[in-house]
N, C-alpha and C. Protein backbone atom coordinates (compact mmCIF):
# COMPACT_ATOMS: atom_id res chain seq x y z
N MET A 1 108.28 95.90 94.33
CA MET A 1 107.96 96.30 95.69
C MET A 1 106.51 96.74 95.78
N ILE A 2 105.86 96.37 96.86
CA ILE A 2 104.53 96.88 97.09
C ILE A 2 104.55 97.76 98.34
N GLU A 3 103.66 98.71 98.36
CA GLU A 3 103.55 99.59 99.51
C GLU A 3 102.11 99.65 99.96
N ILE A 4 101.90 99.50 101.23
CA ILE A 4 100.58 99.55 101.83
C ILE A 4 100.62 100.59 102.96
N ARG A 5 99.61 101.44 103.01
CA ARG A 5 99.53 102.46 104.05
C ARG A 5 98.32 102.22 104.91
N LEU A 6 98.54 102.23 106.22
CA LEU A 6 97.43 102.09 107.17
C LEU A 6 97.26 103.41 107.88
N SER A 7 96.02 103.73 108.19
CA SER A 7 95.71 105.03 108.81
C SER A 7 96.04 105.09 110.30
N SER A 8 96.39 103.96 110.88
CA SER A 8 96.69 103.97 112.32
C SER A 8 97.87 103.08 112.62
N LEU A 9 98.31 103.11 113.85
CA LEU A 9 99.40 102.28 114.31
C LEU A 9 98.87 100.91 114.70
N PRO A 10 99.66 99.86 114.52
CA PRO A 10 99.21 98.54 115.00
C PRO A 10 99.00 98.56 116.51
N VAL A 11 97.96 97.92 116.97
CA VAL A 11 97.70 97.79 118.40
C VAL A 11 98.56 96.63 118.89
N PRO A 12 99.38 96.88 119.89
CA PRO A 12 100.26 95.79 120.37
C PRO A 12 99.46 94.56 120.79
N LYS A 13 99.96 93.42 120.37
CA LYS A 13 99.32 92.15 120.73
C LYS A 13 100.27 91.45 121.71
N SER A 14 99.81 91.24 122.89
CA SER A 14 100.61 90.49 123.86
C SER A 14 99.64 89.63 124.67
N ASN A 15 100.18 88.72 125.45
CA ASN A 15 99.35 87.80 126.21
C ASN A 15 98.40 88.52 127.15
N ARG A 16 98.78 89.69 127.64
CA ARG A 16 97.89 90.37 128.58
C ARG A 16 96.63 90.91 127.91
N TYR A 17 96.63 91.01 126.57
CA TYR A 17 95.46 91.49 125.87
C TYR A 17 94.47 90.38 125.55
N ILE A 18 94.92 89.14 125.65
CA ILE A 18 94.02 88.01 125.37
C ILE A 18 93.57 87.45 126.71
N ARG A 19 92.30 87.57 126.96
CA ARG A 19 91.77 87.17 128.26
C ARG A 19 90.83 85.98 128.09
N ARG A 20 90.63 85.25 129.18
CA ARG A 20 89.72 84.11 129.15
C ARG A 20 88.41 84.48 129.84
N ARG A 21 87.34 84.13 129.19
CA ARG A 21 86.02 84.34 129.76
C ARG A 21 85.26 83.05 129.55
N GLY A 22 84.95 82.37 130.65
CA GLY A 22 84.25 81.09 130.54
C GLY A 22 85.06 80.05 129.78
N GLY A 23 86.40 80.14 129.87
CA GLY A 23 87.27 79.20 129.19
C GLY A 23 87.57 79.57 127.75
N LYS A 24 86.91 80.62 127.24
CA LYS A 24 87.14 81.03 125.85
C LYS A 24 88.17 82.16 125.80
N VAL A 25 88.94 82.15 124.74
CA VAL A 25 89.94 83.21 124.52
C VAL A 25 89.27 84.25 123.61
N PHE A 26 89.43 85.51 123.96
CA PHE A 26 88.90 86.55 123.10
C PHE A 26 89.85 87.74 123.08
N LYS A 27 89.68 88.59 122.10
CA LYS A 27 90.48 89.79 121.99
C LYS A 27 89.68 90.96 122.48
N PRO A 28 90.30 91.86 123.21
CA PRO A 28 89.57 93.06 123.65
C PRO A 28 89.13 93.87 122.42
N PRO A 29 88.08 94.67 122.57
CA PRO A 29 87.57 95.46 121.44
C PRO A 29 88.62 96.33 120.74
N ARG A 30 89.55 96.87 121.50
CA ARG A 30 90.58 97.73 120.92
C ARG A 30 91.40 96.97 119.89
N VAL A 31 91.78 95.76 120.23
CA VAL A 31 92.58 94.93 119.32
C VAL A 31 91.73 94.50 118.12
N LYS A 32 90.54 94.01 118.39
CA LYS A 32 89.65 93.53 117.33
C LYS A 32 89.29 94.66 116.36
N ASN A 33 88.99 95.84 116.89
CA ASN A 33 88.65 96.99 116.03
C ASN A 33 89.81 97.37 115.11
N TRP A 34 91.02 97.36 115.67
CA TRP A 34 92.19 97.67 114.84
C TRP A 34 92.34 96.62 113.72
N GLU A 35 92.20 95.36 114.07
CA GLU A 35 92.36 94.29 113.06
C GLU A 35 91.34 94.44 111.94
N VAL A 36 90.09 94.73 112.29
CA VAL A 36 89.03 94.87 111.26
C VAL A 36 89.36 96.02 110.33
N ARG A 37 89.74 97.14 110.88
CA ARG A 37 90.08 98.32 110.05
C ARG A 37 91.31 98.06 109.21
N ALA A 38 92.35 97.47 109.81
CA ALA A 38 93.59 97.19 109.08
C ALA A 38 93.32 96.24 107.93
N LEU A 39 92.54 95.19 108.16
CA LEU A 39 92.21 94.24 107.09
C LEU A 39 91.48 94.92 105.95
N TRP A 40 90.56 95.79 106.27
CA TRP A 40 89.81 96.51 105.25
C TRP A 40 90.76 97.37 104.42
N GLU A 41 91.66 98.11 105.10
CA GLU A 41 92.61 98.98 104.40
C GLU A 41 93.58 98.16 103.55
N ILE A 42 94.03 97.03 104.08
CA ILE A 42 94.97 96.17 103.32
C ILE A 42 94.29 95.67 102.06
N LYS A 43 93.05 95.19 102.19
CA LYS A 43 92.35 94.61 101.03
C LYS A 43 92.00 95.68 99.98
N GLN A 44 91.86 96.95 100.40
CA GLN A 44 91.64 98.03 99.45
C GLN A 44 92.88 98.29 98.60
N GLN A 45 94.05 97.98 99.15
CA GLN A 45 95.30 98.30 98.47
C GLN A 45 96.02 97.11 97.86
N TYR A 46 95.69 95.91 98.29
CA TYR A 46 96.35 94.72 97.77
C TYR A 46 95.33 93.62 97.49
N ASN A 47 95.19 93.26 96.24
CA ASN A 47 94.24 92.19 95.91
C ASN A 47 94.88 91.11 95.07
N GLY A 48 96.21 91.06 95.07
CA GLY A 48 96.92 90.02 94.31
C GLY A 48 96.97 88.70 95.08
N GLU A 49 97.69 87.76 94.51
CA GLU A 49 97.92 86.48 95.18
C GLU A 49 98.89 86.72 96.34
N PRO A 50 98.83 85.89 97.37
CA PRO A 50 99.80 86.02 98.47
C PRO A 50 101.24 85.90 97.92
N MET A 51 102.09 86.79 98.39
CA MET A 51 103.49 86.77 97.96
C MET A 51 104.12 85.49 98.46
N GLU A 52 105.03 84.95 97.65
CA GLU A 52 105.72 83.73 98.01
C GLU A 52 107.19 84.01 98.17
N GLY A 53 107.90 83.05 98.76
CA GLY A 53 109.34 83.20 98.90
C GLY A 53 109.72 84.04 100.08
N ARG A 54 111.00 84.36 100.14
CA ARG A 54 111.54 85.14 101.27
C ARG A 54 111.28 86.62 101.04
N LEU A 55 110.90 87.31 102.12
CA LEU A 55 110.50 88.71 101.99
C LEU A 55 111.35 89.64 102.86
N SER A 56 111.46 90.85 102.35
CA SER A 56 112.12 91.93 103.10
C SER A 56 111.06 92.98 103.39
N MET A 57 110.98 93.40 104.67
CA MET A 57 109.95 94.35 105.10
C MET A 57 110.59 95.64 105.59
N GLU A 58 110.03 96.76 105.18
CA GLU A 58 110.39 98.04 105.72
C GLU A 58 109.11 98.63 106.32
N ILE A 59 109.15 98.94 107.61
CA ILE A 59 107.96 99.45 108.29
C ILE A 59 108.30 100.83 108.83
N ILE A 60 107.47 101.80 108.50
CA ILE A 60 107.61 103.15 109.04
C ILE A 60 106.40 103.41 109.92
N LEU A 61 106.66 103.60 111.19
CA LEU A 61 105.59 103.89 112.16
C LEU A 61 105.57 105.41 112.38
N ILE A 62 104.48 106.03 112.01
CA ILE A 62 104.33 107.47 112.19
C ILE A 62 103.62 107.69 113.52
N LEU A 63 104.35 108.19 114.48
CA LEU A 63 103.86 108.32 115.84
C LEU A 63 103.43 109.77 116.14
N PRO A 64 102.32 109.93 116.88
CA PRO A 64 101.82 111.26 117.18
C PRO A 64 102.61 111.96 118.30
N ASN A 65 103.40 111.21 119.03
CA ASN A 65 104.14 111.78 120.17
C ASN A 65 105.30 110.86 120.53
N HIS A 66 106.03 111.21 121.57
CA HIS A 66 107.22 110.44 121.98
C HIS A 66 106.92 109.36 123.03
N ARG A 67 105.65 109.05 123.24
CA ARG A 67 105.30 108.04 124.23
C ARG A 67 106.00 106.70 123.92
N LYS A 68 106.37 105.98 124.96
CA LYS A 68 107.02 104.69 124.76
C LYS A 68 106.02 103.69 124.18
N ARG A 69 106.50 102.91 123.21
CA ARG A 69 105.65 101.89 122.58
C ARG A 69 106.48 100.63 122.37
N ASP A 70 105.81 99.47 122.48
CA ASP A 70 106.46 98.19 122.31
C ASP A 70 106.38 97.78 120.85
N ILE A 71 107.44 98.06 120.12
CA ILE A 71 107.44 97.80 118.68
C ILE A 71 107.32 96.32 118.37
N ASP A 72 107.95 95.45 119.16
CA ASP A 72 107.88 94.01 118.88
C ASP A 72 106.44 93.52 118.81
N ASN A 73 105.65 93.90 119.81
CA ASN A 73 104.24 93.46 119.82
C ASN A 73 103.41 94.16 118.76
N MET A 74 103.78 95.38 118.40
CA MET A 74 103.09 96.06 117.30
C MET A 74 103.33 95.31 115.99
N LEU A 75 104.57 94.87 115.79
CA LEU A 75 104.89 94.15 114.56
C LEU A 75 104.17 92.80 114.49
N LYS A 76 104.02 92.12 115.64
CA LYS A 76 103.28 90.87 115.65
C LYS A 76 101.84 91.07 115.15
N SER A 77 101.22 92.13 115.61
CA SER A 77 99.84 92.45 115.15
C SER A 77 99.83 92.73 113.66
N LEU A 78 100.83 93.47 113.21
CA LEU A 78 100.90 93.84 111.80
C LEU A 78 101.12 92.60 110.93
N TRP A 79 102.02 91.69 111.34
CA TRP A 79 102.26 90.48 110.56
C TRP A 79 100.97 89.67 110.46
N ASP A 80 100.24 89.54 111.58
CA ASP A 80 98.98 88.79 111.55
C ASP A 80 97.98 89.40 110.57
N ALA A 81 97.87 90.73 110.57
CA ALA A 81 96.93 91.38 109.66
C ALA A 81 97.33 91.20 108.20
N LEU A 82 98.62 91.32 107.91
CA LEU A 82 99.07 91.14 106.54
C LEU A 82 98.86 89.70 106.06
N GLU A 83 99.05 88.75 106.97
CA GLU A 83 98.82 87.35 106.61
C GLU A 83 97.33 87.12 106.37
N LYS A 84 96.49 87.58 107.29
CA LYS A 84 95.01 87.41 107.12
C LYS A 84 94.51 88.15 105.88
N GLY A 85 95.17 89.26 105.55
CA GLY A 85 94.77 90.04 104.38
C GLY A 85 95.27 89.47 103.07
N GLY A 86 96.00 88.35 103.12
CA GLY A 86 96.44 87.67 101.92
C GLY A 86 97.64 88.28 101.23
N VAL A 87 98.42 89.11 101.95
CA VAL A 87 99.59 89.72 101.35
C VAL A 87 100.72 88.69 101.22
N PHE A 88 100.87 87.88 102.26
CA PHE A 88 101.80 86.75 102.19
C PHE A 88 101.17 85.57 102.89
N LYS A 89 101.77 84.38 102.69
CA LYS A 89 101.16 83.16 103.24
C LYS A 89 101.42 82.98 104.72
N ASN A 90 102.65 83.31 105.14
CA ASN A 90 103.01 83.09 106.55
C ASN A 90 104.13 84.04 106.91
N ASP A 91 104.09 84.52 108.16
CA ASP A 91 105.14 85.47 108.54
C ASP A 91 106.52 84.85 108.65
N ASN A 92 106.62 83.52 108.54
CA ASN A 92 107.95 82.91 108.54
C ASN A 92 108.68 83.17 107.22
N GLN A 93 108.00 83.78 106.26
CA GLN A 93 108.63 84.20 105.01
C GLN A 93 109.48 85.45 105.17
N ILE A 94 109.33 86.13 106.28
CA ILE A 94 110.03 87.40 106.52
C ILE A 94 111.45 87.10 106.97
N TYR A 95 112.41 87.51 106.14
CA TYR A 95 113.81 87.28 106.42
C TYR A 95 114.53 88.56 106.86
N GLU A 96 113.94 89.69 106.56
CA GLU A 96 114.59 90.95 106.88
C GLU A 96 113.53 91.95 107.28
N VAL A 97 113.81 92.71 108.36
CA VAL A 97 112.88 93.74 108.83
C VAL A 97 113.67 94.99 109.17
N ARG A 98 113.21 96.08 108.63
CA ARG A 98 113.74 97.40 109.01
C ARG A 98 112.57 98.21 109.52
N THR A 99 112.68 98.70 110.75
CA THR A 99 111.58 99.46 111.34
C THR A 99 112.09 100.83 111.72
N LEU A 100 111.33 101.83 111.35
CA LEU A 100 111.71 103.21 111.61
C LEU A 100 110.54 103.90 112.32
N LYS A 101 110.84 104.62 113.40
CA LYS A 101 109.83 105.41 114.08
C LYS A 101 110.03 106.87 113.67
N VAL A 102 108.95 107.52 113.25
CA VAL A 102 108.98 108.92 112.88
C VAL A 102 107.89 109.61 113.71
N VAL A 103 108.27 110.66 114.45
CA VAL A 103 107.29 111.40 115.24
C VAL A 103 106.81 112.61 114.44
N GLU A 104 105.52 112.66 114.19
CA GLU A 104 104.87 113.81 113.55
C GLU A 104 103.71 114.19 114.43
N LYS A 105 103.89 115.24 115.19
CA LYS A 105 102.91 115.65 116.19
C LYS A 105 101.49 115.64 115.64
N GLY A 106 100.64 114.89 116.34
CA GLY A 106 99.22 114.83 115.99
C GLY A 106 98.87 113.88 114.84
N LYS A 107 99.86 113.26 114.22
CA LYS A 107 99.59 112.35 113.11
C LYS A 107 99.97 110.93 113.52
N GLN A 108 99.35 109.95 112.86
CA GLN A 108 99.75 108.56 113.05
C GLN A 108 99.43 107.76 111.82
N GLY A 109 100.15 106.65 111.68
CA GLY A 109 99.91 105.77 110.55
C GLY A 109 101.04 104.78 110.45
N THR A 110 100.93 103.89 109.46
CA THR A 110 101.91 102.85 109.24
C THR A 110 102.12 102.72 107.75
N ILE A 111 103.38 102.74 107.33
CA ILE A 111 103.73 102.52 105.93
C ILE A 111 104.49 101.20 105.87
N ILE A 112 104.03 100.30 105.00
CA ILE A 112 104.61 98.97 104.88
C ILE A 112 105.14 98.82 103.46
N ARG A 113 106.41 98.53 103.33
CA ARG A 113 107.02 98.27 102.03
C ARG A 113 107.55 96.85 102.03
N ILE A 114 107.12 96.08 101.05
CA ILE A 114 107.49 94.67 100.99
C ILE A 114 108.14 94.38 99.65
N LYS A 115 109.27 93.71 99.69
CA LYS A 115 109.92 93.29 98.45
C LYS A 115 110.56 91.93 98.68
N GLU A 116 111.03 91.35 97.60
CA GLU A 116 111.72 90.08 97.67
C GLU A 116 113.02 90.27 98.42
N PHE A 117 113.31 89.34 99.29
CA PHE A 117 114.57 89.40 100.07
C PHE A 117 115.75 89.09 99.16
N GLU A 118 116.73 89.97 99.19
CA GLU A 118 117.95 89.76 98.41
C GLU A 118 119.03 89.30 99.37
N ASP A 119 119.43 88.07 99.21
CA ASP A 119 120.41 87.44 100.10
C ASP A 119 121.73 88.18 99.98
N ASP A 120 122.21 88.70 101.08
CA ASP A 120 123.48 89.40 101.12
C ASP A 120 124.54 88.39 101.54
N LYS A 121 125.11 87.72 100.54
CA LYS A 121 126.06 86.64 100.81
C LYS A 121 127.30 87.16 101.56
N ALA A 122 127.73 88.38 101.24
CA ALA A 122 128.90 88.94 101.93
C ALA A 122 128.61 89.10 103.41
N PHE A 123 127.42 89.61 103.75
CA PHE A 123 127.06 89.76 105.14
C PHE A 123 126.96 88.40 105.81
N GLY A 124 126.32 87.44 105.15
CA GLY A 124 126.18 86.11 105.71
C GLY A 124 127.53 85.45 105.94
N ALA A 125 128.46 85.65 105.00
CA ALA A 125 129.81 85.07 105.14
C ALA A 125 130.54 85.68 106.32
N SER A 126 130.42 87.00 106.49
CA SER A 126 131.11 87.64 107.63
C SER A 126 130.51 87.19 108.96
N VAL A 127 129.22 86.95 109.01
CA VAL A 127 128.59 86.45 110.23
C VAL A 127 129.12 85.05 110.53
N ALA A 128 129.20 84.22 109.49
CA ALA A 128 129.71 82.84 109.67
C ALA A 128 131.16 82.86 110.14
N GLN A 129 131.96 83.78 109.59
CA GLN A 129 133.36 83.87 110.01
C GLN A 129 133.47 84.29 111.46
N GLU A 130 132.66 85.25 111.88
CA GLU A 130 132.66 85.68 113.29
C GLU A 130 132.26 84.56 114.21
N GLN A 131 131.24 83.80 113.79
CA GLN A 131 130.79 82.68 114.61
C GLN A 131 131.89 81.64 114.76
N ALA A 132 132.60 81.37 113.63
CA ALA A 132 133.70 80.38 113.67
C ALA A 132 134.81 80.84 114.61
N LYS A 133 135.11 82.14 114.62
CA LYS A 133 136.14 82.68 115.54
C LYS A 133 135.71 82.48 116.96
N GLN A 134 134.44 82.75 117.28
CA GLN A 134 133.93 82.61 118.64
C GLN A 134 133.95 81.14 119.07
N ASP A 135 133.64 80.25 118.14
CA ASP A 135 133.63 78.83 118.48
C ASP A 135 135.03 78.32 118.82
N LYS A 136 136.03 78.87 118.14
CA LYS A 136 137.44 78.48 118.41
C LYS A 136 137.95 79.05 119.71
N GLY A 137 137.53 80.28 120.01
CA GLY A 137 138.06 81.02 121.17
C GLY A 137 137.45 80.61 122.41
């Protein structure tokens, strides 16, 4: 298992953050600045070859307050940074994600734990059985 710690939360990436200027697509400074810092922090902590195979991710988001946040878009930004940082080849390698929000007043950060995905055949079999029941019913 590898663990990477980022000093800030991922900046949500959504279509509204990518704007067109003169026909060109660009990222607002807030998004670009986060990506630059995240890439630097990732490369300081991981300099191996990109991980291969199926991956399991555990993400702990340390939030400074209880404000509402869009975790889906935060994870998209995080996957892009980890891919650009050479941690894995493509985010389609991610088979399992566990995300936990922890509120620590005045603090923020992101803890990323990555390991090889262990196929839970019992879970997969029970899902297949449930699907078969639904298909019959």
